[in-house]
Amino acid sequence: MSTEAGSILERKARIFNVQKYSIYDGPGIRTLIFFKGCPLRCLWCSNPEGLERKYQVMFKEDLCVDCGKCIPVCPAHIHYLPNDEDGQPRTKSERSRHKVNRSKDCVGCRKCETVCPKQALSIVGVDKTISAVMEIIQQDVLFYHSSGGGVTLGGGEVTAQPEFATNLLTECKRLGIHTAIETSGYAKLSSLLKMAQFTDLFLYDIKQIDSERHYELTGVRNERILANLTELIRRGFNVKVRMPLIKGLNDSEDNICKTLEFLESFKRYKSFQGIDLLPYHKLGINKYKQLDMNYAINEDLSFNEDELDKIEGFIKGYDLQVVVIRH
């Protein structure tokens, strides 16, 4: 893959997933590229494998037969059977269960993944060049053109790897592919503006309008997020605001009203593309166990259809375009 100038693009980014045929993250049929690494720690995050930039081992304990084949092949000595050091034979019921030492860093060699007979192990994160990612993207060009779709970069947080993202967006635009970015907005404005030159649509999260409460829910304050959003819209870059809805955490009438009051000032800008509501779902909870991470939400914080219809109608009362994304 080369640029217009003919130079080879060999910059790499750490990706944790590529999802084809998505219809929820921008117009038409899209390919989603998930970047690893995120500065936020949202309590409800459905992609915990995207939070850290480093390689991670996902372990499906229910599939493991404790064969120990992963132990000798791992150069980082991450895998072990904690009670078998004495070498004494054990019955199946007494046998030690496979463990993953999370204090050690995976090097991404994937040897354990390869030798596991039950696919109980998978390594999250792969370093890909622009050329490699573009090869995947171009496989579905016909779908993009026929549906008005394209490519969406997300994560994790795409702005955590801004140079690669900018180069990838540039190459997509060179080939006439519609581009979108899904972002928390917690980034340097300069990085967002560089990407904005090659981005057709920002899908921009507002998770909580009150900064102190935002910090409690995500680990960061929101002043930078709101300021960046304002700059993008005022400079004429197309932005659709996305509002995650989590019952009891950010769905209060006060929070929604203040968020809408903030957004009302953008109604006169053609670049403001309205609001997507993203109701809480439980997709991704199992990944926390596979990563040996704690999921902070114990109860079901999802909404029924009547509740979503009521919130949608309330927002329409502000004369704002709104769509509920129902997975």
Protein backbone atom coordinates (compact mmCIF):
# COMPACT_ATOMS: atom_id res chain seq x y z
CA MET A 1 0.00 0.00 0.00
CA SER A 2 1.48 3.34 -1.01
CA THR A 3 0.51 6.96 -0.70
CA GLU A 4 0.03 9.35 -3.60
CA ALA A 5 3.69 10.25 -3.28
CA GLY A 6 4.57 6.56 -3.63
CA SER A 7 6.16 6.10 -0.21
CA ILE A 8 5.49 2.88 1.66
CA LEU A 9 3.44 3.24 4.84
CA GLU A 10 4.96 0.97 7.49
CA ARG A 11 3.73 2.67 10.65
CA LYS A 12 2.09 0.14 12.98
CA ALA A 13 -0.78 0.28 15.44
CA ARG A 14 -1.95 -2.23 18.02
CA ILE A 15 -5.42 -3.45 17.06
CA PHE A 16 -7.62 -5.77 19.11
CA ASN A 17 -10.48 -6.45 16.75
CA VAL A 18 -11.80 -5.92 13.25
CA GLN A 19 -15.57 -6.18 12.82
CA LYS A 20 -17.13 -6.34 9.40
CA TYR A 21 -20.69 -5.60 8.28
CA SER A 22 -21.52 -3.29 11.18
CA ILE A 23 -24.65 -1.15 10.82
CA TYR A 24 -24.55 0.64 14.19
CA ASP A 25 -21.44 2.83 14.01
CA GLY A 26 -22.03 5.28 11.21
CA PRO A 27 -24.07 5.21 7.99
CA GLY A 28 -24.40 2.12 5.82
CA ILE A 29 -22.42 -1.10 6.08
CA ARG A 30 -19.11 -0.50 7.80
CA THR A 31 -15.85 -2.10 8.84
CA LEU A 32 -14.86 -1.28 12.42
CA ILE A 33 -11.20 -1.12 13.43
CA PHE A 34 -10.69 -1.33 17.21
CA PHE A 35 -7.54 0.35 18.57
CA LYS A 36 -6.00 -0.83 21.82
CA GLY A 37 -5.55 1.60 24.70
CA CYS A 38 -7.95 4.04 26.38
CA PRO A 39 -7.48 6.84 28.95
CA LEU A 40 -10.97 6.30 30.40
CA ARG A 41 -12.18 3.58 32.75
CA CYS A 42 -15.94 3.63 32.29
CA LEU A 43 -17.71 1.40 34.81
CA TRP A 44 -19.86 -0.14 32.06
CA CYS A 45 -17.18 -0.62 29.38
CA SER A 46 -18.08 -3.49 27.05
CA ASN A 47 -14.58 -3.75 25.55
CA PRO A 48 -12.28 -4.28 28.56
CA GLU A 49 -9.71 -5.90 26.28
CA GLY A 50 -9.27 -2.49 24.65
CA LEU A 51 -8.38 -0.55 27.80
CA GLU A 52 -4.68 -1.44 28.02
CA ARG A 53 -2.21 -0.91 25.19
CA LYS A 54 -0.27 -4.05 26.12
CA TYR A 55 -0.93 -7.61 24.92
CA GLN A 56 -3.32 -9.53 27.16
CA VAL A 57 -4.21 -13.18 27.69
CA MET A 58 -7.89 -14.05 27.57
CA PHE A 59 -8.50 -17.34 29.38
CA LYS A 60 -11.74 -19.34 29.07
CA GLU A 61 -11.44 -21.45 32.19
CA ASP A 62 -14.48 -23.57 31.38
CA LEU A 63 -12.79 -24.86 28.21
CA CYS A 64 -9.40 -25.60 29.80
CA VAL A 65 -8.50 -29.27 30.45
CA ASP A 66 -5.35 -28.38 32.45
CA CYS A 67 -3.09 -30.19 30.02
CA GLY A 68 -0.21 -27.81 30.71
CA LYS A 69 0.90 -27.60 27.07
CA CYS A 70 0.97 -23.81 27.25
CA ILE A 71 3.46 -23.74 30.15
CA PRO A 72 6.73 -24.74 28.43
CA VAL A 73 6.10 -22.68 25.27
CA CYS A 74 5.46 -19.35 27.04
CA PRO A 75 8.68 -17.24 27.08
CA ALA A 76 7.19 -14.91 29.71
CA HIS A 77 6.26 -17.78 32.09
CA ILE A 78 2.71 -16.53 32.41
CA HIS A 79 0.98 -19.92 32.56
CA TYR A 80 1.34 -22.29 35.50
CA LEU A 81 -0.27 -25.07 37.53
CA PRO A 82 0.21 -23.79 41.10
CA ASN A 83 -0.01 -27.07 43.04
CA ASP A 84 1.96 -29.40 40.80
CA GLU A 85 5.49 -28.32 41.69
CA ASP A 86 6.21 -31.45 43.71
CA GLY A 87 5.72 -33.66 40.64
CA GLN A 88 3.44 -36.11 42.45
CA PRO A 89 0.77 -37.85 40.34
CA ARG A 90 -2.81 -36.77 40.99
CA THR A 91 -6.24 -37.99 40.11
CA LYS A 92 -8.36 -35.84 37.80
CA SER A 93 -10.32 -34.48 40.75
CA GLU A 94 -7.14 -33.54 42.59
CA ARG A 95 -5.37 -32.01 39.62
CA SER A 96 -4.36 -28.36 39.82
CA ARG A 97 -6.23 -25.85 37.65
CA HIS A 98 -4.38 -23.77 35.10
CA LYS A 99 -3.64 -20.20 36.18
CA VAL A 100 -2.51 -17.04 34.41
CA ASN A 101 0.04 -14.84 36.19
CA ARG A 102 -1.32 -11.36 35.48
CA SER A 103 1.71 -9.68 37.07
CA LYS A 104 3.80 -10.70 34.07
CA ASP A 105 3.50 -9.07 30.67
CA CYS A 106 2.52 -11.11 27.64
CA VAL A 107 4.93 -10.63 24.72
CA GLY A 108 2.32 -11.43 22.08
CA CYS A 109 4.06 -14.48 20.59
CA ARG A 110 0.79 -16.46 20.58
CA LYS A 111 2.56 -19.77 21.20
CA CYS A 112 0.15 -20.66 24.02
CA GLU A 113 -2.78 -19.87 21.79
CA THR A 114 -1.38 -22.15 19.10
CA VAL A 115 -0.77 -25.21 21.29
CA CYS A 116 -3.99 -25.03 23.33
CA PRO A 117 -6.09 -28.03 22.20
CA LYS A 118 -9.40 -26.53 23.39
CA GLN A 119 -9.03 -22.89 22.26
CA ALA A 120 -9.17 -21.81 25.89
CA LEU A 121 -6.46 -19.20 25.36
CA SER A 122 -6.40 -16.20 23.05
CA ILE A 123 -4.03 -13.26 22.91
CA VAL A 124 -5.58 -9.81 22.56
CA GLY A 125 -3.69 -7.34 20.44
CA VAL A 126 -1.90 -7.55 17.12
CA ASP A 127 0.40 -4.99 15.53
CA LYS A 128 -0.70 -4.17 12.00
CA THR A 129 0.69 -1.87 9.34
CA ILE A 130 -1.37 0.58 7.32
CA SER A 131 -1.01 -1.79 4.37
CA ALA A 132 -2.37 -4.75 6.34
CA VAL A 133 -5.38 -2.83 7.65
CA MET A 134 -6.15 -1.34 4.25
CA GLU A 135 -6.08 -4.80 2.70
CA ILE A 136 -8.88 -5.82 5.10
CA ILE A 137 -10.83 -2.61 4.53
CA GLN A 138 -10.74 -2.86 0.75
CA GLN A 139 -12.26 -6.36 0.77
CA ASP A 140 -15.70 -4.77 1.26
CA VAL A 141 -15.52 -1.67 -0.91
CA LEU A 142 -18.56 -2.79 -2.93
CA PHE A 143 -20.64 -2.96 0.27
CA TYR A 144 -19.54 0.55 1.27
CA HIS A 145 -20.46 2.01 -2.10
CA SER A 146 -23.82 0.25 -2.38
CA SER A 147 -24.94 1.13 1.17
CA GLY A 148 -23.30 4.51 1.74
CA GLY A 149 -21.04 2.90 4.32
CA GLY A 150 -17.34 2.92 5.01
CA VAL A 151 -14.83 2.58 7.81
CA THR A 152 -15.15 3.49 11.49
CA LEU A 153 -12.15 3.70 13.81
CA GLY A 154 -12.86 3.00 17.47
CA GLY A 155 -11.50 1.16 20.44
CA GLY A 156 -10.44 1.40 23.18
CA GLU A 157 -9.78 4.93 22.03
CA VAL A 158 -8.57 5.67 18.52
CA THR A 159 -6.96 8.95 19.57
CA ALA A 160 -4.57 6.97 21.79
CA GLN A 161 -2.70 6.10 18.56
CA PRO A 162 -3.24 9.32 16.58
CA GLU A 163 -0.42 9.14 14.03
CA PHE A 164 -1.48 5.76 12.69
CA ALA A 165 -5.15 6.77 12.75
CA THR A 166 -4.44 9.91 10.74
CA ASN A 167 -2.44 7.97 8.14
CA LEU A 168 -5.14 5.32 7.88
CA LEU A 169 -7.88 7.92 7.44
CA THR A 170 -5.79 9.67 4.80
CA GLU A 171 -5.46 6.48 2.81
CA CYS A 172 -9.18 5.72 3.08
CA LYS A 173 -10.08 9.18 1.79
CA ARG A 174 -7.61 8.83 -1.06
CA LEU A 175 -9.55 5.75 -2.14
CA GLY A 176 -12.95 7.44 -1.74
CA ILE A 177 -14.00 5.48 1.36
CA HIS A 178 -16.29 7.22 3.88
CA THR A 179 -14.58 7.60 7.27
CA ALA A 180 -15.85 7.90 10.83
CA ILE A 181 -14.26 8.06 14.25
CA GLU A 182 -15.86 6.80 17.44
CA THR A 183 -14.26 8.72 20.33
CA SER A 184 -14.59 9.78 23.94
CA GLY A 185 -13.12 13.13 22.94
CA TYR A 186 -10.57 12.93 25.75
CA ALA A 187 -7.57 13.82 23.61
CA LYS A 188 -5.37 16.68 22.53
CA LEU A 189 -7.32 19.04 20.31
CA SER A 190 -4.38 19.09 17.89
CA SER A 191 -4.68 15.32 17.40
CA LEU A 192 -8.42 15.53 16.79
CA LEU A 193 -8.00 18.35 14.29
CA LYS A 194 -5.38 16.43 12.31
CA MET A 195 -7.71 13.45 12.07
CA ALA A 196 -10.67 15.71 11.35
CA GLN A 197 -9.19 16.74 7.98
CA PHE A 198 -9.80 13.16 6.77
CA THR A 199 -12.91 12.28 8.81
CA ASP A 200 -16.41 12.49 7.41
CA LEU A 201 -18.16 11.92 10.74
CA PHE A 202 -17.28 11.99 14.42
CA LEU A 203 -19.32 9.74 16.73
CA TYR A 204 -18.61 11.66 19.90
CA ASP A 205 -19.53 10.48 23.41
CA ILE A 206 -21.07 12.58 26.14
CA LYS A 207 -21.28 10.18 29.05
CA GLN A 208 -22.17 12.63 31.83
CA ILE A 209 -22.48 16.43 31.73
CA ASP A 210 -21.38 17.05 35.32
CA SER A 211 -17.59 16.91 35.46
CA GLU A 212 -17.29 15.59 39.01
CA ARG A 213 -19.79 12.82 38.34
CA HIS A 214 -18.05 12.14 35.03
CA TYR A 215 -14.85 11.57 36.97
CA GLU A 216 -16.59 9.12 39.29
CA LEU A 217 -17.97 7.12 36.35
CA THR A 218 -15.01 7.22 33.95
CA GLY A 219 -11.87 8.22 35.85
CA VAL A 220 -11.45 11.56 34.03
CA ARG A 221 -13.13 14.97 34.13
CA ASN A 222 -15.04 16.20 31.08
CA GLU A 223 -13.92 19.82 30.54
CA ARG A 224 -11.53 18.80 27.76
CA ILE A 225 -14.18 16.58 26.19
CA LEU A 226 -16.79 19.34 26.01
CA ALA A 227 -14.28 21.92 24.81
CA ASN A 228 -13.07 19.63 22.00
CA LEU A 229 -16.64 18.88 20.96
CA THR A 230 -17.40 22.59 20.75
CA GLU A 231 -14.33 23.24 18.61
CA LEU A 232 -15.09 20.45 16.16
CA ILE A 233 -18.68 21.58 15.60
CA ARG A 234 -17.84 25.27 15.33
CA ARG A 235 -15.08 24.51 12.82
CA GLY A 236 -17.59 22.71 10.62
CA PHE A 237 -16.62 19.07 11.16
CA ASN A 238 -19.58 16.71 11.18
CA VAL A 239 -20.34 15.39 14.67
CA LYS A 240 -23.05 13.07 15.95
CA VAL A 241 -23.21 13.05 19.75
CA ARG A 242 -23.60 9.66 21.39
CA MET A 243 -25.12 9.41 24.84
CA PRO A 244 -24.60 6.12 26.67
CA LEU A 245 -27.58 5.51 28.98
CA ILE A 246 -26.97 3.56 32.18
CA LYS A 247 -29.88 3.35 34.57
CA GLY A 248 -29.18 5.05 37.88
CA LEU A 249 -25.79 6.37 36.77
CA ASN A 250 -26.45 8.99 34.10
CA ASP A 251 -30.13 8.81 33.16
CA SER A 252 -31.50 11.34 35.65
CA GLU A 253 -33.75 14.06 34.29
CA ASP A 254 -31.32 16.66 35.60
CA ASN A 255 -28.36 15.16 33.73
CA ILE A 256 -30.29 14.71 30.50
CA CYS A 257 -31.73 18.24 30.67
CA LYS A 258 -28.34 19.84 31.27
CA THR A 259 -26.82 17.80 28.45
CA LEU A 260 -29.56 18.91 26.06
CA GLU A 261 -29.22 22.53 27.16
CA PHE A 262 -25.51 22.30 26.34
CA LEU A 263 -26.27 20.80 22.91
CA GLU A 264 -29.03 23.30 22.06
CA SER A 265 -26.43 25.92 21.23
CA PHE A 266 -25.23 23.74 18.33
CA LYS A 267 -28.60 23.49 16.58
CA ARG A 268 -27.71 26.33 14.23
CA TYR A 269 -24.63 24.46 12.96
CA LYS A 270 -25.07 22.10 10.00
CA SER A 271 -22.10 20.13 11.34
CA PHE A 272 -24.14 19.00 14.38
CA GLN A 273 -25.73 15.75 13.20
CA GLY A 274 -27.98 15.02 16.19
CA ILE A 275 -27.88 12.43 18.96
CA ASP A 276 -27.57 8.66 19.22
CA LEU A 277 -28.77 7.09 22.47
CA LEU A 278 -26.78 4.00 23.45
CA PRO A 279 -28.72 1.99 26.06
CA TYR A 280 -26.77 -0.11 28.53
CA HIS A 281 -26.28 -3.76 27.57
CA LYS A 282 -24.52 -6.74 29.08
CA LEU A 283 -22.47 -7.61 26.01
CA GLY A 284 -18.85 -8.05 27.02
CA ILE A 285 -19.35 -9.01 30.67
CA ASN A 286 -17.84 -12.47 30.11
CA LYS A 287 -14.66 -10.86 28.84
CA TYR A 288 -13.98 -9.44 32.30
CA LYS A 289 -13.76 -12.94 33.74
CA GLN A 290 -11.51 -14.08 30.89
CA LEU A 291 -9.16 -11.18 31.68
CA ASP A 292 -9.41 -11.69 35.45
CA MET A 293 -10.86 -8.20 35.80
CA ASN A 294 -13.61 -7.00 38.12
CA TYR A 295 -16.84 -5.78 36.53
CA ALA A 296 -18.05 -2.95 38.74
CA ILE A 297 -21.77 -3.23 37.93
CA ASN A 298 -23.58 -6.04 39.74
CA GLU A 299 -27.20 -5.28 38.88
CA ASP A 300 -29.03 -5.05 35.57
CA LEU A 301 -28.99 -1.39 34.53
CA SER A 302 -30.70 -1.84 31.18
CA PHE A 303 -33.93 -0.16 30.04
CA ASN A 304 -37.16 -1.61 28.76
CA GLU A 305 -38.69 -0.34 25.52
CA ASP A 306 -41.21 1.94 27.23
CA GLU A 307 -38.44 3.65 29.21
CA LEU A 308 -36.38 4.19 26.07
CA ASP A 309 -39.37 5.57 24.18
CA LYS A 310 -40.02 8.03 27.01
CA ILE A 311 -36.41 9.30 27.00
CA GLU A 312 -36.41 9.52 23.20
CA GLY A 313 -39.63 11.55 23.25
CA PHE A 314 -38.27 13.82 25.98
CA ILE A 315 -35.23 14.66 23.87
CA LYS A 316 -37.34 15.30 20.77
CA GLY A 317 -39.16 17.89 22.85
CA TYR A 318 -35.98 19.96 22.65
CA ASP A 319 -36.27 19.87 18.84
CA LEU A 320 -33.13 17.75 18.60
CA GLN A 321 -32.75 14.86 16.18
CA VAL A 322 -32.36 11.63 18.18
CA VAL A 323 -32.07 7.91 17.38
CA VAL A 324 -32.04 5.03 19.88
CA ILE A 325 -29.43 2.42 18.90
CA ARG A 326 -31.06 -0.90 19.71
CA HIS A 327 -28.69 -3.86 19.40
